[in-house]
Amino acid sequence: MAINMKVFAGTMTALALIGATPTAAKPGDPGRDKVAAAIRADHDAAIERLRGWIKLPTIANMGLNHQEGAEYMRQLVLDAGFQQAKIIKTDGVPGVFATLDAGARDTLAIYFMYDVKHYDPAEWSSPPLEGRIVDRPGEGKALIGRGAVNQKGPETAFLAALRAFKASGTKLPVNLVFVAEGEEEIASTHFSQIVIQPEVQAALAKAVGIIIPSAGQSVDGQVTLLLGAKGAVELQLISSGERWGRGPKGDIHSSLKANVDSPVWHLIKALNTLVSEDGQTPAIDGWFDNVKPLTARQKELIRADVAASNEADDFKTLGIKHWYKDEDYLTATYRLAEQPTVNIQGLVSGYMGPGGKTVLPGRAEAKIDLRLVPDMTKDEVVAKLKAHLAKRGFDDIEVNVSGGYGPNQTDENSMLIKAEQATLNQAKIPNTLSARSAGSWPGVVFTGPPLRMAAGQFGAGRGGGAHAPNEWFLIESSNPKVAGFDEQAIIYADFLYEIARAAKAKTKAKR
């Protein structure tokens, strides 16, 4: 579900990018100008690579292009300069592990997802796999396609930076370790099986931190650097007459509702116990036992971020007019960061075609996602959900957990975050810190034991519509405050230089 970005309403919406063209290279950044020139020279080819990638969607929950997506991902990183890349099998969708030894002293880790959400072409203004370039009034030219911003666009920009080092004959300032998965959109069901591989874990242990490339700028040109992300659990609650022992095993005539129990209403009654009367606050027994309140410092960071943000643009992006309970922007943003959630993604039962069919369905399913904050864990919340249902007489309802992981958090004083800030400051891009993203990515696999790495979502760029029709990613910007694709790639190149510089300074300070 992906990933960075200032995410509202549990979406993975990638927001805008900003800023001026990155500044000239710092002393000690040999070849940076050649890299920037190579990025610009590669522009057309890079966009075609993005369009080609979009044409091959990997959709984990539909069994679409599992192996093909992994093989495509592997070839992309080899073409970008990684010396070795291999497909790692899991009990589900395979992943990719790669390394690039630049002969540097320090190593940075990179996380990619190559899967996307499914789509209904009838809802799109242009074919979702075409990657059509369209005019975006007031902003420039954008590419429309599933995965454009979440995450193939930002990831292509990162790979474009690596290709530019290779094409210009410029030595990379850091070594790279790369891990990618094809199940992020179903809560990274088997991703840990990739990371625990001895070879993968040993390589990651050498890294100073890990990032996921993302489009992280607002319409005003401001970037929010997130110090963490909520965890996520995806599951299905299934009520059936067969398992319940009441109601029909299959669909029967609706006239029989007078004397036959309904598995659909049974599920609805169970769902109604999961939240309070406001339909918002989780009411699962013990749900808030391990919820850690925001610290004074985290609230301070959120206040500063809200002061630099654009509430009107957030409303426009989300298509809403009010926050919950008509709260003010700051209060709503505090809530977004600190409240765990129980969300119904979808309800499926009975006849869903045109008109009616007068049936009493024998089965009903609710698709649920849970968002977790520190110090909640996946195993804890699943156990509490099951116990809550059983206590109320709903122990027959099947709880089918399809994926999930806990929240992650990184210290604002970590070298990784400081390097992110320094890179944006160098490019004259205004930036703030915030406690965590309401959206999720499996960063806890890295920040948790045994690796305990710093992790961040980083990048410049503008896009939107993740998980929705007409997902878009800005390619050419007509706004001087907003960067296009080439500038995004240059930011990644500058970040690699900054990581090397920060790691060197940290080592020197220890002596």
Protein backbone atom coordinates (compact mmCIF):
# COMPACT_ATOMS: atom_id res chain seq x y z
CA MET A 1 0.00 0.00 0.00
CA ALA A 2 2.78 2.06 -0.24
CA ILE A 3 4.10 4.55 0.31
CA ASN A 4 5.54 7.91 1.43
CA MET A 5 4.07 10.89 1.22
CA LYS A 6 1.85 12.82 3.36
CA VAL A 7 -1.03 10.44 3.25
CA PHE A 8 -4.54 11.30 4.34
CA ALA A 9 -7.57 9.08 4.82
CA GLY A 10 -5.38 5.99 4.77
CA THR A 11 -4.61 6.43 1.12
CA MET A 12 -1.21 6.00 -0.40
CA THR A 13 -1.64 9.30 -2.39
CA ALA A 14 1.73 10.66 -3.46
CA LEU A 15 1.66 14.42 -3.18
CA ALA A 16 3.48 17.08 -5.03
CA LEU A 17 6.99 18.11 -5.55
CA ILE A 18 8.59 21.44 -5.35
CA GLY A 19 11.34 23.54 -5.76
CA ALA A 20 13.93 25.13 -7.82
CA THR A 21 16.36 23.30 -10.02
CA PRO A 22 18.99 21.67 -7.80
CA THR A 23 22.02 23.79 -7.08
CA ALA A 24 25.48 23.21 -8.45
CA ALA A 25 27.57 20.38 -7.07
CA LYS A 26 29.28 20.82 -3.77
CA PRO A 27 33.03 20.51 -3.54
CA GLY A 28 33.80 16.83 -3.21
CA ASP A 29 31.03 15.74 -5.57
CA PRO A 30 33.17 14.72 -8.55
CA GLY A 31 31.26 14.19 -11.77
CA ARG A 32 27.95 15.49 -10.49
CA ASP A 33 27.50 17.90 -13.41
CA LYS A 34 28.16 15.06 -15.85
CA VAL A 35 25.57 12.95 -14.05
CA ALA A 36 22.98 15.74 -14.26
CA ALA A 37 23.70 16.18 -17.98
CA ALA A 38 23.35 12.44 -18.55
CA ILE A 39 19.99 12.42 -16.76
CA ARG A 40 18.67 15.15 -19.04
CA ALA A 41 20.03 13.43 -22.15
CA ASP A 42 18.28 10.21 -21.12
CA HIS A 43 14.90 11.89 -20.53
CA ASP A 44 12.92 10.46 -23.45
CA ALA A 45 14.33 6.97 -22.99
CA ALA A 46 13.61 7.07 -19.25
CA ILE A 47 9.96 7.97 -19.83
CA GLU A 48 9.65 5.13 -22.32
CA ARG A 49 11.10 2.78 -19.71
CA LEU A 50 8.46 3.97 -17.26
CA ARG A 51 5.71 3.46 -19.83
CA GLY A 52 7.04 -0.02 -20.58
CA TRP A 53 7.03 -0.92 -16.90
CA ILE A 54 3.47 0.31 -16.47
CA LYS A 55 2.39 -1.98 -19.31
CA LEU A 56 3.36 -4.97 -17.14
CA PRO A 57 1.27 -4.79 -13.95
CA THR A 58 1.94 -7.25 -11.16
CA ILE A 59 -1.24 -7.59 -9.10
CA ALA A 60 -0.60 -9.85 -6.14
CA ASN A 61 -4.17 -10.64 -5.13
CA MET A 62 -5.16 -11.54 -8.69
CA GLY A 63 -2.20 -13.79 -9.48
CA LEU A 64 -1.18 -11.50 -12.33
CA ASN A 65 2.43 -11.41 -13.60
CA HIS A 66 4.02 -12.69 -10.43
CA GLN A 67 7.09 -14.20 -12.07
CA GLU A 68 7.11 -11.83 -15.03
CA GLY A 69 7.09 -8.80 -12.73
CA ALA A 70 10.03 -10.11 -10.72
CA GLU A 71 12.03 -10.85 -13.86
CA TYR A 72 11.29 -7.38 -15.25
CA MET A 73 12.36 -5.79 -11.95
CA ARG A 74 15.57 -7.80 -11.96
CA GLN A 75 16.46 -6.66 -15.47
CA LEU A 76 15.74 -3.00 -14.65
CA VAL A 77 18.28 -2.97 -11.82
CA LEU A 78 20.88 -4.84 -13.87
CA ASP A 79 20.48 -2.27 -16.64
CA ALA A 80 20.94 0.50 -14.05
CA GLY A 81 24.35 -0.82 -13.05
CA PHE A 82 23.87 -3.42 -10.34
CA GLN A 83 26.45 -6.18 -10.81
CA GLN A 84 24.24 -8.96 -9.52
CA ALA A 85 20.52 -9.34 -9.10
CA LYS A 86 18.60 -12.47 -8.25
CA ILE A 87 14.99 -13.46 -7.81
CA ILE A 88 14.18 -14.64 -4.29
CA LYS A 89 11.33 -17.11 -4.05
CA THR A 90 8.79 -16.91 -1.23
CA ASP A 91 5.62 -18.78 -0.34
CA GLY A 92 3.83 -16.11 -2.37
CA VAL A 93 5.06 -13.57 -4.91
CA PRO A 94 8.85 -13.57 -5.45
CA GLY A 95 11.10 -10.61 -4.70
CA VAL A 96 14.42 -9.31 -6.01
CA PHE A 97 17.75 -8.83 -4.25
CA ALA A 98 20.65 -6.97 -5.87
CA THR A 99 23.97 -5.39 -4.96
CA LEU A 100 26.14 -2.73 -6.55
CA ASP A 101 29.71 -2.57 -5.30
CA ALA A 102 31.11 0.83 -6.28
CA GLY A 103 34.27 0.36 -4.25
CA ALA A 104 32.97 3.00 -1.85
CA ARG A 105 33.41 2.97 1.90
CA ASP A 106 29.73 3.25 2.75
CA THR A 107 26.55 1.47 1.66
CA LEU A 108 22.96 2.64 1.26
CA ALA A 109 20.01 0.25 1.01
CA ILE A 110 17.06 0.78 -1.35
CA TYR A 111 13.57 -0.73 -1.11
CA PHE A 112 11.24 -1.00 -4.12
CA MET A 113 7.78 -2.41 -4.65
CA TYR A 114 6.95 -3.54 -8.18
CA ASP A 115 3.31 -4.48 -7.68
CA VAL A 116 0.29 -2.23 -8.22
CA LYS A 117 -3.37 -2.09 -7.31
CA HIS A 118 -5.96 -3.47 -9.72
CA TYR A 119 -8.05 -1.13 -11.86
CA ASP A 120 -11.26 -0.80 -13.87
CA PRO A 121 -10.45 0.67 -17.32
CA ALA A 122 -14.02 2.02 -17.59
CA GLU A 123 -13.23 4.46 -14.76
CA TRP A 124 -10.13 5.94 -16.45
CA SER A 125 -9.87 8.86 -18.86
CA SER A 126 -7.14 7.00 -20.76
CA PRO A 127 -6.12 3.33 -20.75
CA PRO A 128 -4.51 2.54 -17.37
CA LEU A 129 -1.63 0.58 -18.91
CA GLU A 130 -0.86 2.97 -21.76
CA GLY A 131 1.14 5.57 -19.85
CA ARG A 132 -0.33 8.41 -21.91
CA ILE A 133 1.23 11.86 -21.48
CA VAL A 134 -1.48 14.49 -20.96
CA ASP A 135 -1.66 18.20 -20.20
CA ARG A 136 -2.33 18.95 -16.57
CA PRO A 137 -3.68 22.52 -16.38
CA GLY A 138 -1.49 24.82 -14.33
CA GLU A 139 1.14 22.14 -13.74
CA GLY A 140 2.60 20.84 -16.99
CA LYS A 141 2.57 17.37 -18.54
CA ALA A 142 1.76 14.25 -16.57
CA LEU A 143 1.83 10.53 -17.27
CA ILE A 144 -1.41 8.67 -16.55
CA GLY A 145 -1.18 5.01 -15.62
CA ARG A 146 -1.58 2.45 -12.88
CA GLY A 147 1.56 2.57 -10.78
CA ALA A 148 2.60 5.95 -12.19
CA VAL A 149 3.18 7.49 -8.77
CA ASN A 150 2.81 4.44 -6.53
CA GLN A 151 5.64 3.65 -7.01
CA LYS A 152 7.02 3.11 -10.52
CA GLY A 153 7.44 6.80 -11.37
CA PRO A 154 9.66 7.69 -8.39
CA GLU A 155 11.48 4.38 -8.70
CA THR A 156 12.18 4.99 -12.39
CA ALA A 157 13.58 8.42 -11.46
CA PHE A 158 15.92 6.77 -8.97
CA LEU A 159 17.06 4.21 -11.54
CA ALA A 160 17.57 7.05 -14.04
CA ALA A 161 20.03 8.62 -11.62
CA LEU A 162 21.97 5.36 -11.37
CA ARG A 163 22.01 4.93 -15.13
CA ALA A 164 23.41 8.46 -15.45
CA PHE A 165 26.36 7.61 -13.21
CA LYS A 166 27.01 4.59 -15.41
CA ALA A 167 26.56 6.46 -18.71
CA SER A 168 28.80 9.36 -17.69
CA GLY A 169 31.53 7.13 -16.33
CA THR A 170 31.13 8.68 -12.88
CA LYS A 171 31.91 6.61 -9.81
CA LEU A 172 28.99 6.14 -7.47
CA PRO A 173 29.77 7.69 -4.08
CA VAL A 174 28.17 4.77 -2.17
CA ASN A 175 27.62 1.07 -2.60
CA LEU A 176 24.00 -0.05 -2.91
CA VAL A 177 21.94 -2.95 -1.60
CA PHE A 178 18.55 -3.41 -3.21
CA VAL A 179 15.45 -5.34 -2.12
CA ALA A 180 12.10 -5.37 -3.92
CA GLU A 181 8.81 -7.14 -3.40
CA GLY A 182 5.68 -7.84 -5.40
CA GLU A 183 3.21 -7.95 -2.50
CA GLU A 184 3.29 -4.47 -0.96
CA GLU A 185 -0.27 -3.80 -2.05
CA ILE A 186 -1.52 -6.77 -0.02
CA ALA A 187 0.44 -5.78 3.11
CA SER A 188 3.74 -7.48 2.22
CA THR A 189 2.51 -10.96 3.10
CA HIS A 190 5.80 -12.75 2.48
CA PHE A 191 8.36 -9.93 2.33
CA SER A 192 10.04 -10.96 5.57
CA GLN A 193 10.97 -14.25 3.90
CA ILE A 194 13.17 -12.25 1.54
CA VAL A 195 14.84 -10.12 4.19
CA ILE A 196 15.68 -13.04 6.52
CA GLN A 197 17.71 -14.77 3.81
CA PRO A 198 21.27 -14.85 5.25
CA GLU A 199 22.79 -13.27 2.15
CA VAL A 200 20.21 -10.49 2.07
CA GLN A 201 20.38 -9.77 5.79
CA ALA A 202 24.18 -9.66 5.76
CA ALA A 203 24.18 -7.16 2.91
CA LEU A 204 21.54 -4.96 4.56
CA ALA A 205 23.47 -4.99 7.84
CA LYS A 206 26.28 -3.04 6.15
CA ALA A 207 23.99 -0.18 5.12
CA VAL A 208 23.76 3.18 6.89
CA GLY A 209 20.00 3.21 6.26
CA ILE A 210 17.32 2.46 3.70
CA ILE A 211 14.92 4.55 1.63
CA ILE A 212 11.95 3.95 -0.60
CA PRO A 213 11.84 6.46 -3.48
CA SER A 214 8.66 8.49 -3.42
CA ALA A 215 7.12 11.64 -4.81
CA GLY A 216 7.02 13.78 -1.74
CA GLN A 217 6.16 17.40 -2.53
CA SER A 218 3.04 19.46 -2.06
CA VAL A 219 1.42 21.76 -4.58
CA ASP A 220 3.16 24.65 -2.81
CA GLY A 221 6.55 23.04 -3.23
CA GLN A 222 7.04 21.86 0.34
CA VAL A 223 8.30 18.39 1.29
CA THR A 224 7.31 16.61 4.46
CA LEU A 225 9.99 14.19 5.60
CA LEU A 226 8.27 11.43 7.54
CA LEU A 227 9.95 9.82 10.52
CA GLY A 228 7.81 6.71 10.39
CA ALA A 229 4.67 5.08 9.09
CA LYS A 230 1.70 3.26 10.50
CA GLY A 231 1.61 -0.50 10.29
CA ALA A 232 -1.10 -2.28 8.34
CA VAL A 233 -3.01 -5.54 8.54
CA GLU A 234 -5.29 -6.75 5.76
CA LEU A 235 -7.91 -9.37 6.51
CA GLN A 236 -11.31 -10.66 5.54
CA LEU A 237 -14.19 -11.34 7.90
CA ILE A 238 -16.41 -14.05 6.43
CA SER A 239 -19.86 -15.06 7.64
CA SER A 240 -21.41 -18.17 6.12
CA GLY A 241 -24.46 -20.23 6.91
CA GLU A 242 -22.37 -23.37 6.60
CA ARG A 243 -19.84 -22.34 9.27
CA TRP A 244 -22.36 -20.54 11.48
CA GLY A 245 -24.73 -23.48 11.49
CA ARG A 246 -27.62 -21.11 10.93
CA GLY A 247 -28.96 -19.61 7.73
CA PRO A 248 -28.58 -21.18 4.29
CA LYS A 249 -25.47 -22.80 2.90
CA GLY A 250 -26.15 -21.08 -0.42
CA ASP A 251 -28.44 -18.36 -1.73
CA ILE A 252 -32.17 -19.01 -1.23
CA HIS A 253 -35.37 -17.06 -1.99
CA SER A 254 -35.61 -13.82 0.01
CA SER A 255 -39.22 -14.57 1.04
CA LEU A 256 -37.75 -17.07 3.49
CA LYS A 257 -36.11 -14.30 5.50
CA ALA A 258 -39.15 -14.42 7.81
CA ASN A 259 -38.07 -17.75 9.27
CA VAL A 260 -34.43 -18.26 8.18
CA ASP A 261 -31.38 -16.54 9.70
CA SER A 262 -29.23 -14.26 7.52
CA PRO A 263 -25.43 -14.66 7.47
CA VAL A 264 -25.28 -11.16 5.94
CA TRP A 265 -27.03 -9.48 8.87
CA HIS A 266 -24.92 -11.63 11.20
CA LEU A 267 -21.78 -10.11 9.69
CA ILE A 268 -23.21 -6.60 9.82
CA LYS A 269 -24.01 -7.00 13.50
CA ALA A 270 -20.45 -8.19 14.12
CA LEU A 271 -18.97 -5.28 12.18
CA ASN A 272 -21.03 -2.83 14.19
CA THR A 273 -19.23 -3.92 17.37
CA LEU A 274 -15.81 -3.00 15.98
CA VAL A 275 -16.32 0.77 16.17
CA SER A 276 -18.15 3.12 18.50
CA GLU A 277 -21.43 4.85 17.68
CA ASP A 278 -19.59 7.56 15.73
CA GLY A 279 -18.55 4.92 13.20
CA GLN A 280 -14.96 6.08 13.63
CA THR A 281 -13.32 5.21 16.94
CA PRO A 282 -12.19 1.56 17.25
CA ALA A 283 -14.09 -0.30 19.96
CA ILE A 284 -12.25 -3.64 19.91
CA ASP A 285 -11.50 -4.76 23.46
CA GLY A 286 -8.02 -3.65 24.52
CA TRP A 287 -7.38 -1.91 21.20
CA PHE A 288 -5.63 1.09 22.76
CA ASP A 289 -3.65 -0.81 25.42
CA ASN A 290 -0.31 -0.43 23.64
CA VAL A 291 -0.94 2.81 21.78
CA LYS A 292 1.86 5.26 22.54
CA PRO A 293 0.66 8.89 22.58
CA LEU A 294 2.47 11.44 20.46
CA THR A 295 5.37 12.99 22.31
CA ALA A 296 5.69 16.73 22.82
CA ARG A 297 8.40 16.77 20.15
CA GLN A 298 6.26 14.86 17.66
CA LYS A 299 3.42 17.33 18.21
CA GLU A 300 5.86 20.19 17.70
CA LEU A 301 6.97 18.71 14.37
CA ILE A 302 3.36 18.19 13.26
CA ARG A 303 2.48 21.80 14.15
CA ALA A 304 5.36 23.08 12.04
CA ASP A 305 4.40 20.81 9.17
CA VAL A 306 0.75 21.89 9.29
CA ALA A 307 1.83 25.54 9.30
CA ALA A 308 3.75 24.91 6.06
CA SER A 309 1.00 22.82 4.44
CA ASN A 310 -2.04 23.65 2.33
CA GLU A 311 -5.34 22.47 3.80
CA ALA A 312 -7.36 23.59 0.78
CA ASP A 313 -5.21 21.47 -1.54
CA ASP A 314 -5.57 18.48 0.79
CA PHE A 315 -9.37 18.84 0.63
CA LYS A 316 -9.20 19.10 -3.16
CA THR A 317 -6.90 16.10 -3.50
CA LEU A 318 -9.10 13.94 -1.29
CA GLY A 319 -12.42 15.21 -2.64
CA ILE A 320 -13.73 16.09 0.82
CA LYS A 321 -15.02 19.25 2.52
CA HIS A 322 -14.59 18.47 6.22
CA TRP A 323 -12.38 16.55 8.58
CA TYR A 324 -13.97 14.14 11.01
CA LYS A 325 -16.09 16.01 13.63
CA ASP A 326 -15.29 19.23 11.75
CA GLU A 327 -11.96 19.34 13.54
CA ASP A 328 -9.45 22.05 12.65
CA TYR A 329 -6.50 21.17 10.43
CA LEU A 330 -4.01 20.71 13.29
CA THR A 331 -6.32 18.56 15.42
CA ALA A 332 -7.22 16.43 12.41
CA THR A 333 -3.52 15.96 11.61
CA TYR A 334 -2.72 14.94 15.19
CA ARG A 335 -5.52 12.38 14.90
CA LEU A 336 -4.17 11.15 11.57
CA ALA A 337 -0.78 10.46 13.09
CA GLU A 338 -1.75 8.91 16.41
CA GLN A 339 -5.03 7.04 16.00
CA PRO A 340 -5.10 3.39 14.94
CA THR A 341 -8.00 2.58 12.65
CA VAL A 342 -10.46 -0.12 11.64
CA ASN A 343 -11.56 0.41 8.05
CA ILE A 344 -14.01 -1.45 5.81
CA GLN A 345 -12.55 -1.56 2.30
CA GLY A 346 -15.48 -3.40 0.83
CA LEU A 347 -18.55 -5.52 1.51
CA VAL A 348 -19.37 -8.43 -0.75
CA SER A 349 -22.50 -10.57 -0.62
CA GLY A 350 -25.27 -11.95 -2.75
CA TYR A 351 -26.38 -10.50 -6.04
CA MET A 352 -24.45 -7.41 -7.20
CA GLY A 353 -25.77 -7.01 -10.75
CA PRO A 354 -28.33 -4.55 -12.12
CA GLY A 355 -31.76 -4.48 -10.53
CA GLY A 356 -32.64 -6.97 -7.82
CA LYS A 357 -32.70 -10.74 -7.50
CA THR A 358 -34.64 -11.34 -4.24
CA VAL A 359 -32.20 -13.76 -2.65
CA LEU A 360 -31.15 -14.41 0.92
CA PRO A 361 -27.39 -14.93 0.56
CA GLY A 362 -25.63 -17.74 2.34
CA ARG A 363 -22.33 -15.90 2.61
CA ALA A 364 -21.01 -12.38 3.24
CA GLU A 365 -17.48 -11.02 3.34
CA ALA A 366 -16.04 -7.75 4.67
CA LYS A 367 -12.61 -6.68 3.48
CA ILE A 368 -10.90 -4.92 6.37
CA ASP A 369 -7.67 -3.03 6.89
CA LEU A 370 -6.27 -2.07 10.28
CA ARG A 371 -3.72 0.74 10.67
CA LEU A 372 -1.39 0.44 13.65
CA VAL A 373 0.70 2.95 15.58
CA PRO A 374 3.58 2.36 18.01
CA ASP A 375 3.68 0.12 20.05
CA MET A 376 0.99 -2.07 18.48
CA THR A 377 1.92 -5.29 16.68
CA LYS A 378 0.24 -7.37 14.01
CA ASP A 379 -0.07 -10.49 16.18
CA GLU A 380 -1.51 -8.47 19.07
CA VAL A 381 -4.30 -6.82 17.09
CA VAL A 382 -5.32 -10.00 15.28
CA ALA A 383 -5.58 -11.85 18.60
CA LYS A 384 -7.64 -9.01 20.11
CA LEU A 385 -9.98 -8.92 17.13
CA LYS A 386 -10.65 -12.66 17.35
CA ALA A 387 -11.20 -12.49 21.10
CA HIS A 388 -13.52 -9.50 20.73
CA LEU A 389 -15.72 -11.31 18.21
CA ALA A 390 -15.79 -14.55 20.20
CA LYS A 391 -16.82 -12.74 23.40
CA ARG A 392 -19.88 -11.36 21.60
CA GLY A 393 -21.01 -14.61 20.06
CA PHE A 394 -19.36 -14.15 16.67
CA ASP A 395 -16.71 -16.85 17.01
CA ASP A 396 -18.08 -18.54 13.89
CA ILE A 397 -16.99 -15.61 11.72
CA GLU A 398 -13.82 -16.53 9.87
CA VAL A 399 -10.88 -14.14 10.30
CA ASN A 400 -8.66 -14.61 7.28
CA VAL A 401 -5.46 -12.54 7.62
CA SER A 402 -3.88 -12.00 4.20
CA GLY A 403 -0.93 -9.81 5.20
CA GLY A 404 0.41 -7.22 7.56
CA TYR A 405 3.19 -5.71 9.66
CA GLY A 406 3.69 -3.28 12.52
CA PRO A 407 4.52 0.45 12.47
CA ASN A 408 8.02 1.83 12.01
CA GLN A 409 9.82 4.83 13.48
CA THR A 410 13.20 6.49 12.83
CA ASP A 411 15.07 9.05 14.95
CA GLU A 412 15.06 12.53 13.47
CA ASN A 413 18.75 12.81 14.38
CA SER A 414 19.75 9.73 12.39
CA MET A 415 22.28 10.26 9.66
CA LEU A 416 19.75 9.16 7.04
CA ILE A 417 17.20 11.84 7.96
CA LYS A 418 19.90 14.50 8.28
CA ALA A 419 21.12 13.61 4.78
CA GLU A 420 17.58 13.89 3.42
CA GLN A 421 17.26 17.36 4.95
CA ALA A 422 20.65 18.46 3.68
CA THR A 423 19.85 17.32 0.14
CA LEU A 424 16.60 19.26 0.04
CA ASN A 425 18.20 22.32 1.62
CA GLN A 426 20.96 22.23 -0.98
CA ALA A 427 18.29 22.22 -3.70
CA LYS A 428 16.48 25.12 -1.99
CA ILE A 429 13.44 22.93 -1.40
CA PRO A 430 11.53 23.90 1.77
CA ASN A 431 11.01 20.93 4.02
CA THR A 432 9.59 19.94 7.38
CA LEU A 433 9.58 16.83 9.53
CA SER A 434 6.49 15.00 10.70
CA ALA A 435 5.95 12.13 13.10
CA ARG A 436 4.65 9.50 10.72
CA SER A 437 2.69 8.73 7.60
CA ALA A 438 -0.88 7.54 7.90
CA GLY A 439 -0.13 5.29 4.95
CA SER A 440 1.95 2.19 5.41
CA TRP A 441 5.01 0.41 4.09
CA PRO A 442 6.90 -2.54 5.62
CA GLY A 443 9.69 -0.39 7.05
CA VAL A 444 9.46 -2.26 10.35
CA VAL A 445 11.23 -5.17 8.65
CA PHE A 446 14.27 -2.88 8.58
CA THR A 447 13.80 -0.70 11.67
CA GLY A 448 12.94 -3.66 13.90
CA PRO A 449 15.27 -6.40 15.11
CA PRO A 450 17.72 -7.65 14.09
CA LEU A 451 18.68 -4.92 11.59
CA ARG A 452 17.45 -1.82 13.51
CA MET A 453 18.20 0.44 10.54
CA ALA A 454 17.12 4.01 9.94
CA ALA A 455 14.44 4.06 7.24
CA GLY A 456 12.79 6.82 5.28
CA GLN A 457 10.58 7.65 2.32
CA PHE A 458 12.43 10.19 0.22
CA GLY A 459 12.18 12.05 -3.04
CA ALA A 460 10.97 15.04 -4.94
CA GLY A 461 8.15 14.86 -7.45
CA ARG A 462 4.46 15.39 -7.80
CA GLY A 463 1.69 12.95 -8.49
CA GLY A 464 -1.63 11.69 -7.23
CA GLY A 465 -4.45 9.21 -7.55
CA ALA A 466 -2.66 6.25 -6.01
CA HIS A 467 -5.11 3.31 -5.80
CA ALA A 468 -7.65 5.42 -7.73
CA PRO A 469 -8.59 5.97 -11.38
CA ASN A 470 -6.37 8.32 -13.43
CA GLU A 471 -3.29 7.90 -11.25
CA TRP A 472 -0.73 10.43 -12.48
CA PHE A 473 2.91 11.44 -12.19
CA LEU A 474 4.32 14.81 -13.25
CA ILE A 475 6.87 14.55 -16.04
CA GLU A 476 7.37 18.14 -17.22
CA SER A 477 6.58 21.00 -14.87
CA SER A 478 5.32 24.41 -15.95
CA ASN A 479 5.55 25.68 -12.37
CA PRO A 480 9.03 26.88 -11.35
CA LYS A 481 8.35 25.68 -7.81
CA VAL A 482 7.64 22.16 -8.94
CA ALA A 483 10.22 19.79 -10.36
CA GLY A 484 9.73 17.51 -13.30
CA PHE A 485 11.15 14.04 -13.83
CA ASP A 486 14.73 15.09 -14.59
CA GLU A 487 14.99 17.27 -11.51
CA GLN A 488 13.67 14.41 -9.39
CA ALA A 489 16.39 12.11 -10.71
CA ILE A 490 19.04 14.77 -10.01
CA ILE A 491 17.81 15.03 -6.42
CA TYR A 492 18.45 11.30 -6.02
CA ALA A 493 21.97 11.68 -7.39
CA ASP A 494 22.61 14.53 -4.95
CA PHE A 495 21.26 12.40 -2.12
CA LEU A 496 23.82 9.67 -2.85
CA TYR A 497 26.59 12.26 -2.64
CA GLU A 498 25.11 13.59 0.60
CA ILE A 499 24.92 10.15 2.18
CA ALA A 500 28.62 9.57 1.42
CA ARG A 501 29.49 12.98 2.82
CA ALA A 502 27.45 12.45 6.00
CA ALA A 503 28.84 8.97 6.59
CA LYS A 504 32.40 10.26 6.19
CA ALA A 505 31.75 13.09 8.64
CA LYS A 506 30.21 10.70 11.17
CA THR A 507 33.21 8.36 10.97
CA LYS A 508 35.60 11.27 11.36
CA ALA A 509 33.71 12.56 14.41
CA LYS A 510 34.08 9.19 16.15
CA ARG A 511 37.86 9.26 15.87
